[in-house]
Amino acid sequence: MFRKAIVLVVILCAQIASAGQELGPITNLPLPRYVSMKAAEGNVRRGPSLTHRIDWVYKRRDMPLEITAEHGHWRRVRDRDGAGGWVHYSLLSGVRTVIVEQDMVSLYQRPDPDSRVNARLELGVVARLGACQPHWCELTAGGYSGWAPKAALWGVKPDELRE
C-alpha cells in the first residue's frame, strides 16, 4: 500500500513537471497557486521578513490571493487588483475562495443557464469554491450554493478543473 502511494506521488510530480508548472522551493506546490486569507487582518510587507516595511494591511478574512513566490515562512502574494507583497504563511489557508467580478452574477442550481437561479451575487462577494468544470464553478456564499460562470470569478484559473 505504501509503495502504491509513493508511485502515485511520483507520477503526480512528473505530470506537474511535464506540464511546465513551476514548483515552490519550500512547499513543492505549484506556483502560481490560489489560497485565501485565514486571518481577519494580515500585514503585507515589502520583503520576506519582519524587518521589511508594511506597505498595507489586508482586512478581509477568506479573501482569495495568488501565491507567486516562496521564501522561508513567507509567501509573495497578489490580489485581484494585481497589488502584492509578502505575507507570513501562518496568515494563509489552503481553503479556496473566489471573488465575484461581475455585478449580480446568477448562482444556478446546475451548471446550466436554463436551470433555476438560487441567488444572485453582487460584485465583490467572496464565495467558497467547490467543484469546477470547464466553464462553471460551484460556489457557496451567504447560505446559498449553486453554479456560476467561471469567467465571472477571480481566484480560479480559466483551465482549472476541480472535483
C-alpha atoms as a PDB file:
ATOM      1  CA  MET A   1       0.000   0.000   0.000  1.00  0.00           C
ATOM      2  CA  PHE A   2       2.810   2.409   0.963  1.00  0.00           C
ATOM      3  CA  ARG A   3       4.610   1.604  -2.313  1.00  0.00           C
ATOM      4  CA  LYS A   4       1.496   2.411  -4.324  1.00  0.00           C
ATOM      5  CA  ALA A   5       1.193   5.762  -2.561  1.00  0.00           C
ATOM      6  CA  ILE A   6       4.823   6.597  -3.370  1.00  0.00           C
ATOM      7  CA  VAL A   7       4.325   5.621  -7.012  1.00  0.00           C
ATOM      8  CA  LEU A   8       1.233   7.833  -7.211  1.00  0.00           C
ATOM      9  CA  VAL A   9       3.117  10.797  -5.727  1.00  0.00           C
ATOM     10  CA  VAL A  10       5.996  10.311  -8.188  1.00  0.00           C
ATOM     11  CA  ILE A  11       3.564  10.115 -11.125  1.00  0.00           C
ATOM     12  CA  LEU A  12       1.738  13.239  -9.947  1.00  0.00           C
ATOM     13  CA  CYS A  13       5.009  15.164  -9.590  1.00  0.00           C
ATOM     14  CA  ALA A  14       6.107  14.040 -13.049  1.00  0.00           C
ATOM     15  CA  GLN A  15       2.822  15.157 -14.546  1.00  0.00           C
ATOM     16  CA  ILE A  16       3.105  18.572 -12.920  1.00  0.00           C
ATOM     17  CA  ALA A  17       6.716  18.944 -14.058  1.00  0.00           C
ATOM     18  CA  SER A  18       5.905  17.828 -17.575  1.00  0.00           C
ATOM     19  CA  ALA A  19       3.138  20.407 -17.761  1.00  0.00           C
ATOM     20  CA  GLY A  20       5.820  23.084 -17.329  1.00  0.00           C
ATOM     21  CA  GLN A  21       4.476  24.045 -13.910  1.00  0.00           C
ATOM     22  CA  GLU A  22       6.995  25.675 -11.602  1.00  0.00           C
ATOM     23  CA  LEU A  23       7.087  24.271  -8.076  1.00  0.00           C
ATOM     24  CA  GLY A  24       7.715  26.325  -4.956  1.00  0.00           C
ATOM     25  CA  PRO A  25      11.158  25.688  -3.417  1.00  0.00           C
ATOM     26  CA  ILE A  26       9.723  25.492   0.120  1.00  0.00           C
ATOM     27  CA  THR A  27       6.402  23.652  -0.233  1.00  0.00           C
ATOM     28  CA  ASN A  28       6.982  21.874  -3.552  1.00  0.00           C
ATOM     29  CA  LEU A  29       3.474  23.044  -4.520  1.00  0.00           C
ATOM     30  CA  PRO A  30       2.687  24.633  -7.890  1.00  0.00           C
ATOM     31  CA  LEU A  31       3.446  28.312  -8.499  1.00  0.00           C
ATOM     32  CA  PRO A  32       1.401  30.306  -9.006  1.00  0.00           C
ATOM     33  CA  ARG A  33      -1.470  28.926  -6.925  1.00  0.00           C
ATOM     34  CA  TYR A  34      -4.504  30.324  -5.157  1.00  0.00           C
ATOM     35  CA  VAL A  35      -5.059  30.420  -1.393  1.00  0.00           C
ATOM     36  CA  SER A  36      -7.178  32.535   0.947  1.00  0.00           C
ATOM     37  CA  MET A  37      -6.592  34.757   3.972  1.00  0.00           C
ATOM     38  CA  LYS A  38      -7.028  32.734   7.157  1.00  0.00           C
ATOM     39  CA  ALA A  39      -6.721  35.786   9.387  1.00  0.00           C
ATOM     40  CA  ALA A  40      -9.081  38.748   9.665  1.00  0.00           C
ATOM     41  CA  GLU A  41      -6.038  41.023   9.239  1.00  0.00           C
ATOM     42  CA  GLY A  42      -2.698  40.461   7.590  1.00  0.00           C
ATOM     43  CA  ASN A  43       0.298  42.732   7.044  1.00  0.00           C
ATOM     44  CA  VAL A  44       1.645  42.884   3.520  1.00  0.00           C
ATOM     45  CA  ARG A  45       5.354  43.618   3.584  1.00  0.00           C
ATOM     46  CA  ARG A  46       7.824  44.857   1.012  1.00  0.00           C
ATOM     47  CA  GLY A  47      10.092  41.833   1.579  1.00  0.00           C
ATOM     48  CA  PRO A  48      10.064  38.399   3.226  1.00  0.00           C
ATOM     49  CA  SER A  49      10.862  39.289   6.854  1.00  0.00           C
ATOM     50  CA  LEU A  50       9.559  41.259   9.828  1.00  0.00           C
ATOM     51  CA  THR A  51      12.230  43.896   9.233  1.00  0.00           C
ATOM     52  CA  HIS A  52      10.670  44.898   5.913  1.00  0.00           C
ATOM     53  CA  ARG A  53       8.236  47.782   5.848  1.00  0.00           C
ATOM     54  CA  ILE A  54       4.483  47.103   5.925  1.00  0.00           C
ATOM     55  CA  ASP A  55       3.013  48.503   2.712  1.00  0.00           C
ATOM     56  CA  TRP A  56      -0.636  47.825   3.623  1.00  0.00           C
ATOM     57  CA  VAL A  57      -2.903  45.526   5.601  1.00  0.00           C
ATOM     58  CA  TYR A  58      -5.431  43.072   4.182  1.00  0.00           C
ATOM     59  CA  LYS A  59      -8.585  43.261   6.306  1.00  0.00           C
ATOM     60  CA  ARG A  60     -10.814  40.625   4.788  1.00  0.00           C
ATOM     61  CA  ARG A  61     -10.901  37.049   6.054  1.00  0.00           C
ATOM     62  CA  ASP A  62     -11.256  34.453   3.244  1.00  0.00           C
ATOM     63  CA  MET A  63     -10.057  36.870   0.552  1.00  0.00           C
ATOM     64  CA  PRO A  64      -8.536  34.909  -2.329  1.00  0.00           C
ATOM     65  CA  LEU A  65      -4.882  35.582  -3.067  1.00  0.00           C
ATOM     66  CA  GLU A  66      -2.449  34.165  -5.586  1.00  0.00           C
ATOM     67  CA  ILE A  67       0.919  32.951  -4.306  1.00  0.00           C
ATOM     68  CA  THR A  68       3.635  33.815  -6.820  1.00  0.00           C
ATOM     69  CA  ALA A  69       6.800  33.046  -4.788  1.00  0.00           C
ATOM     70  CA  GLU A  70       8.054  31.448  -1.568  1.00  0.00           C
ATOM     71  CA  HIS A  71      10.916  32.331   0.746  1.00  0.00           C
ATOM     72  CA  GLY A  72      11.197  30.554   4.112  1.00  0.00           C
ATOM     73  CA  HIS A  73       7.976  31.171   6.051  1.00  0.00           C
ATOM     74  CA  TRP A  74       6.932  33.946   3.675  1.00  0.00           C
ATOM     75  CA  ARG A  75       4.746  33.903   0.566  1.00  0.00           C
ATOM     76  CA  ARG A  76       4.650  36.598  -2.085  1.00  0.00           C
ATOM     77  CA  VAL A  77       1.002  37.142  -2.955  1.00  0.00           C
ATOM     78  CA  ARG A  78      -1.034  39.266  -5.285  1.00  0.00           C
ATOM     79  CA  ASP A  79      -4.690  40.181  -5.081  1.00  0.00           C
ATOM     80  CA  ARG A  80      -7.282  40.613  -7.816  1.00  0.00           C
ATOM     81  CA  ASP A  81      -6.104  44.195  -8.434  1.00  0.00           C
ATOM     82  CA  GLY A  82      -2.544  42.998  -9.055  1.00  0.00           C
ATOM     83  CA  ALA A  83      -1.232  44.538  -5.836  1.00  0.00           C
ATOM     84  CA  GLY A  84       1.165  42.299  -3.995  1.00  0.00           C
ATOM     85  CA  GLY A  85       3.710  41.820  -1.308  1.00  0.00           C
ATOM     86  CA  TRP A  86       4.987  39.316   1.238  1.00  0.00           C
ATOM     87  CA  VAL A  87       2.717  37.692   3.824  1.00  0.00           C
ATOM     88  CA  HIS A  88       3.657  35.237   6.578  1.00  0.00           C
ATOM     89  CA  TYR A  89       2.436  31.745   5.703  1.00  0.00           C
ATOM     90  CA  SER A  90       0.525  31.411   9.003  1.00  0.00           C
ATOM     91  CA  LEU A  91      -1.959  34.042   7.782  1.00  0.00           C
ATOM     92  CA  LEU A  92      -2.885  31.975   4.714  1.00  0.00           C
ATOM     93  CA  SER A  93      -5.150  28.983   4.218  1.00  0.00           C
ATOM     94  CA  GLY A  94      -5.385  26.357   1.501  1.00  0.00           C
ATOM     95  CA  VAL A  95      -9.181  26.740   1.563  1.00  0.00           C
ATOM     96  CA  ARG A  96     -10.168  28.039  -1.860  1.00  0.00           C
ATOM     97  CA  THR A  97     -12.336  31.099  -2.277  1.00  0.00           C
ATOM     98  CA  VAL A  98     -13.133  33.407  -5.181  1.00  0.00           C
ATOM     99  CA  ILE A  99     -14.283  36.997  -5.623  1.00  0.00           C
ATOM    100  CA  VAL A 100     -17.239  37.726  -7.875  1.00  0.00           C
ATOM    101  CA  GLU A 101     -16.000  40.051 -10.635  1.00  0.00           C
ATOM    102  CA  GLN A 102     -19.366  40.977 -12.189  1.00  0.00           C
ATOM    103  CA  ASP A 103     -22.389  42.526 -10.534  1.00  0.00           C
ATOM    104  CA  MET A 104     -25.432  40.340  -9.893  1.00  0.00           C
ATOM    105  CA  VAL A 105     -23.969  37.048 -11.103  1.00  0.00           C
ATOM    106  CA  SER A 106     -26.613  34.332 -11.100  1.00  0.00           C
ATOM    107  CA  LEU A 107     -25.984  31.299  -8.941  1.00  0.00           C
ATOM    108  CA  TYR A 108     -27.682  28.440 -10.812  1.00  0.00           C
ATOM    109  CA  GLN A 109     -28.966  25.165  -9.386  1.00  0.00           C
ATOM    110  CA  ARG A 110     -26.931  23.257 -12.005  1.00  0.00           C
ATOM    111  CA  PRO A 111     -24.089  24.248 -14.364  1.00  0.00           C
ATOM    112  CA  ASP A 112     -26.687  25.213 -16.966  1.00  0.00           C
ATOM    113  CA  PRO A 113     -28.039  28.729 -17.674  1.00  0.00           C
ATOM    114  CA  ASP A 114     -31.501  27.225 -18.219  1.00  0.00           C
ATOM    115  CA  SER A 115     -31.646  25.841 -14.656  1.00  0.00           C
ATOM    116  CA  ARG A 116     -33.271  27.611 -11.706  1.00  0.00           C
ATOM    117  CA  VAL A 117     -31.446  30.607 -10.179  1.00  0.00           C
ATOM    118  CA  ASN A 118     -30.783  30.054  -6.454  1.00  0.00           C
ATOM    119  CA  ALA A 119     -29.388  33.544  -5.775  1.00  0.00           C
ATOM    120  CA  ARG A 120     -27.616  36.494  -7.343  1.00  0.00           C
ATOM    121  CA  LEU A 121     -24.204  37.571  -6.084  1.00  0.00           C
ATOM    122  CA  GLU A 122     -23.070  41.185  -6.042  1.00  0.00           C
ATOM    123  CA  LEU A 123     -19.739  42.417  -7.325  1.00  0.00           C
ATOM    124  CA  GLY A 124     -17.040  41.793  -4.698  1.00  0.00           C
ATOM    125  CA  VAL A 125     -18.746  38.932  -2.857  1.00  0.00           C
ATOM    126  CA  VAL A 126     -16.278  36.363  -1.536  1.00  0.00           C
ATOM    127  CA  ALA A 127     -17.531  32.793  -2.008  1.00  0.00           C
ATOM    128  CA  ARG A 128     -16.148  29.387  -1.098  1.00  0.00           C
ATOM    129  CA  LEU A 129     -15.044  27.454  -4.177  1.00  0.00           C
ATOM    130  CA  GLY A 130     -16.236  23.907  -4.773  1.00  0.00           C
ATOM    131  CA  ALA A 131     -16.116  21.820  -7.937  1.00  0.00           C
ATOM    132  CA  CYS A 132     -15.172  23.412 -11.252  1.00  0.00           C
ATOM    133  CA  GLN A 133     -15.963  22.254 -14.765  1.00  0.00           C
ATOM    134  CA  PRO A 134     -14.516  23.824 -17.925  1.00  0.00           C
ATOM    135  CA  HIS A 135     -16.876  26.844 -17.808  1.00  0.00           C
ATOM    136  CA  TRP A 136     -18.622  26.626 -14.421  1.00  0.00           C
ATOM    137  CA  CYS A 137     -17.718  26.567 -10.726  1.00  0.00           C
ATOM    138  CA  GLU A 138     -19.782  25.545  -7.732  1.00  0.00           C
ATOM    139  CA  LEU A 139     -19.892  28.259  -5.047  1.00  0.00           C
ATOM    140  CA  THR A 140     -21.230  28.742  -1.541  1.00  0.00           C
ATOM    141  CA  ALA A 141     -21.884  32.233  -0.189  1.00  0.00           C
ATOM    142  CA  GLY A 142     -24.248  33.707   2.366  1.00  0.00           C
ATOM    143  CA  GLY A 143     -26.042  30.437   2.950  1.00  0.00           C
ATOM    144  CA  TYR A 144     -26.664  29.881  -0.763  1.00  0.00           C
ATOM    145  CA  SER A 145     -24.938  27.472  -3.090  1.00  0.00           C
ATOM    146  CA  GLY A 146     -25.011  26.875  -6.797  1.00  0.00           C
ATOM    147  CA  TRP A 147     -23.078  27.180 -10.033  1.00  0.00           C
ATOM    148  CA  ALA A 148     -21.671  30.366 -11.547  1.00  0.00           C
ATOM    149  CA  PRO A 149     -19.844  31.021 -14.817  1.00  0.00           C
ATOM    150  CA  LYS A 150     -16.098  30.714 -14.244  1.00  0.00           C
ATOM    151  CA  ALA A 151     -15.481  33.847 -16.346  1.00  0.00           C
ATOM    152  CA  ALA A 152     -17.239  35.938 -13.661  1.00  0.00           C
ATOM    153  CA  LEU A 153     -14.806  34.884 -10.903  1.00  0.00           C
ATOM    154  CA  TRP A 154     -11.300  35.784  -9.724  1.00  0.00           C
ATOM    155  CA  GLY A 155      -9.385  33.143  -7.798  1.00  0.00           C
ATOM    156  CA  VAL A 156      -9.654  30.215 -10.189  1.00  0.00           C
ATOM    157  CA  LYS A 157      -7.633  29.583 -13.344  1.00  0.00           C
ATOM    158  CA  PRO A 158      -9.614  29.511 -16.627  1.00  0.00           C
ATOM    159  CA  ASP A 159      -8.469  25.940 -17.380  1.00  0.00           C
ATOM    160  CA  GLU A 160      -8.712  24.681 -13.774  1.00  0.00           C
ATOM    161  CA  LEU A 161     -10.867  21.625 -13.075  1.00  0.00           C
ATOM    162  CA  ARG A 162     -11.859  20.617  -9.523  1.00  0.00           C
ATOM    163  CA  GLU A 163     -13.915  17.743  -8.165  1.00  0.00           C
END
